[in-house]
Amino acid sequence: MAYPDDRKYTKDHEWVRISGDMAEVGITDFAQQQLGDVVYMELPDVGATLTAGQSFGSIESVKAVSELFAPVSGEVVEVNAPLKDHPEAVNKSPHDAWMLKVRISNPGDAAGLLDSAQYQGLLG
């Protein structure tokens, strides 16, 4: 699996695609493979404030429940509502199935994230 170059990655296996002061957040293909079949997601409400590195929700599969961690700080401006009814979309196309859109409050947060090559190196 190639990891798209148009986004940054966390060591916790989230991806973030930044455009101006907006960011889309999702989980990586590696994360969905580790989880197995995703059956439920708990995501924050629009208006919630995220802090980089802090938990913003959880994702549940038939095997485990995992916390989701914010790659950047900011305000949630949109939640991908169809994922609540169809969380399995994360398994089918994890790099297309964004979970949140965030208005970034600290652009410097992205500096600590991994690029595609660094992320793939982390996976070995």
Protein backbone atom coordinates (compact mmCIF):
# COMPACT_ATOMS: atom_id res chain seq x y z
CA MET A 1 0.00 0.00 0.00
CA ALA A 2 1.39 3.38 -0.97
CA TYR A 3 0.65 6.17 1.48
CA PRO A 4 -0.44 9.38 -0.29
CA ASP A 5 2.11 12.20 -0.40
CA ASP A 6 -0.55 14.92 -0.05
CA ARG A 7 -0.91 14.44 3.70
CA LYS A 8 0.99 14.01 6.95
CA TYR A 9 0.85 11.06 9.34
CA THR A 10 1.04 10.47 13.09
CA LYS A 11 2.81 7.68 14.94
CA ASP A 12 -0.69 6.71 16.14
CA HIS A 13 -1.70 5.98 12.50
CA GLU A 14 -3.94 8.94 11.74
CA TRP A 15 -3.56 10.97 8.56
CA VAL A 16 -4.21 14.67 8.05
CA ARG A 17 -4.62 16.51 4.74
CA ILE A 18 -4.07 20.25 5.22
CA SER A 19 -5.38 22.93 2.90
CA GLY A 20 -4.86 26.47 4.17
CA ASP A 21 -6.23 26.58 7.73
CA MET A 22 -8.42 23.50 7.20
CA ALA A 23 -7.52 19.85 7.79
CA GLU A 24 -9.24 16.56 7.02
CA VAL A 25 -8.47 13.75 9.48
CA GLY A 26 -8.73 9.98 9.02
CA ILE A 27 -6.93 6.74 9.82
CA THR A 28 -4.32 4.99 7.70
CA ASP A 29 -4.58 1.74 5.82
CA PHE A 30 -2.22 0.19 8.37
CA ALA A 31 -4.59 1.19 11.20
CA GLN A 32 -7.66 -0.28 9.55
CA GLN A 33 -5.76 -3.51 8.81
CA GLN A 34 -4.78 -3.80 12.47
CA LEU A 35 -8.33 -3.14 13.62
CA GLY A 36 -10.09 -5.49 11.24
CA ASP A 37 -13.77 -4.93 10.43
CA VAL A 38 -14.80 -1.54 11.82
CA VAL A 39 -18.29 -1.61 13.34
CA TYR A 40 -18.63 1.70 15.22
CA MET A 41 -17.05 5.13 15.58
CA GLU A 42 -17.43 7.72 18.29
CA LEU A 43 -16.60 11.15 16.86
CA PRO A 44 -16.81 14.63 18.42
CA ASP A 45 -19.56 17.10 17.64
CA VAL A 46 -19.15 20.11 15.37
CA GLY A 47 -17.77 22.93 17.51
CA ALA A 48 -15.61 20.66 19.66
CA THR A 49 -12.04 21.81 20.28
CA LEU A 50 -9.23 19.35 19.57
CA THR A 51 -5.74 19.42 21.03
CA ALA A 52 -2.92 17.86 19.03
CA GLY A 53 -1.91 14.51 20.52
CA GLN A 54 -5.08 14.20 22.61
CA SER A 55 -7.87 11.68 22.08
CA PHE A 56 -10.87 12.96 20.10
CA GLY A 57 -12.92 9.78 19.91
CA SER A 58 -12.75 6.06 19.38
CA ILE A 59 -13.08 3.45 16.68
CA GLU A 60 -14.41 -0.02 17.38
CA SER A 61 -13.87 -3.18 15.39
CA VAL A 62 -14.85 -6.78 15.94
CA LYS A 63 -11.39 -7.22 17.54
CA ALA A 64 -10.76 -4.10 19.61
CA VAL A 65 -11.61 -0.53 20.56
CA SER A 66 -8.93 2.07 19.81
CA GLU A 67 -8.69 5.71 20.66
CA LEU A 68 -8.34 8.28 17.89
CA PHE A 69 -5.76 11.03 18.40
CA ALA A 70 -5.85 14.54 16.95
CA PRO A 71 -2.94 15.25 14.60
CA VAL A 72 -3.55 19.01 14.90
CA SER A 73 -5.26 21.42 17.30
CA GLY A 74 -8.38 23.28 16.26
CA GLU A 75 -12.16 23.40 16.05
CA VAL A 76 -14.23 20.64 14.47
CA VAL A 77 -16.20 22.28 11.63
CA GLU A 78 -17.60 19.14 9.99
CA VAL A 79 -18.07 15.49 10.91
CA ASN A 80 -18.46 12.82 8.24
CA ALA A 81 -21.98 11.80 9.29
CA PRO A 82 -22.33 8.87 6.84
CA LEU A 83 -19.46 7.12 8.66
CA LYS A 84 -21.67 6.78 11.75
CA ASP A 85 -24.06 4.60 9.73
CA HIS A 86 -21.39 3.02 7.52
CA PRO A 87 -18.15 2.79 9.55
CA GLU A 88 -16.98 -0.04 7.28
CA ALA A 89 -16.13 2.62 4.68
CA VAL A 90 -12.91 3.07 6.65
CA ASN A 91 -11.94 -0.52 5.77
CA LYS A 92 -12.75 -0.12 2.08
CA SER A 93 -10.90 3.13 1.43
CA PRO A 94 -9.20 4.48 4.56
CA HIS A 95 -7.40 7.29 2.74
CA ASP A 96 -10.67 8.59 1.27
CA ALA A 97 -12.89 8.13 4.34
CA TRP A 98 -12.16 11.30 6.30
CA MET A 99 -13.69 11.51 9.76
CA LEU A 100 -13.43 15.19 10.65
CA LYS A 101 -12.70 18.55 9.13
CA VAL A 102 -10.88 20.86 11.52
CA ARG A 103 -10.09 24.59 11.41
CA ILE A 104 -6.46 24.58 12.54
CA SER A 105 -5.63 26.83 15.49
CA ASN A 106 -1.88 26.16 15.57
CA PRO A 107 -0.28 25.70 12.12
CA GLY A 108 2.97 24.65 13.84
CA ASP A 109 1.38 21.34 14.89
CA ALA A 110 1.93 19.91 11.40
CA ALA A 111 5.70 20.37 11.69
CA GLY A 112 5.95 17.42 14.08
CA LEU A 113 4.09 15.01 11.80
CA LEU A 114 5.57 12.42 9.45
CA ASP A 115 5.59 12.60 5.67
CA SER A 116 4.66 9.58 3.58
CA ALA A 117 8.21 8.16 3.40
CA GLN A 118 8.80 8.63 7.15
CA TYR A 119 5.49 6.96 7.96
CA GLN A 120 6.26 3.98 5.73
CA GLY A 121 9.67 3.76 7.40
CA LEU A 122 7.94 3.65 10.81
CA LEU A 123 5.93 0.64 9.64
CA GLY A 124 9.12 -1.15 8.62
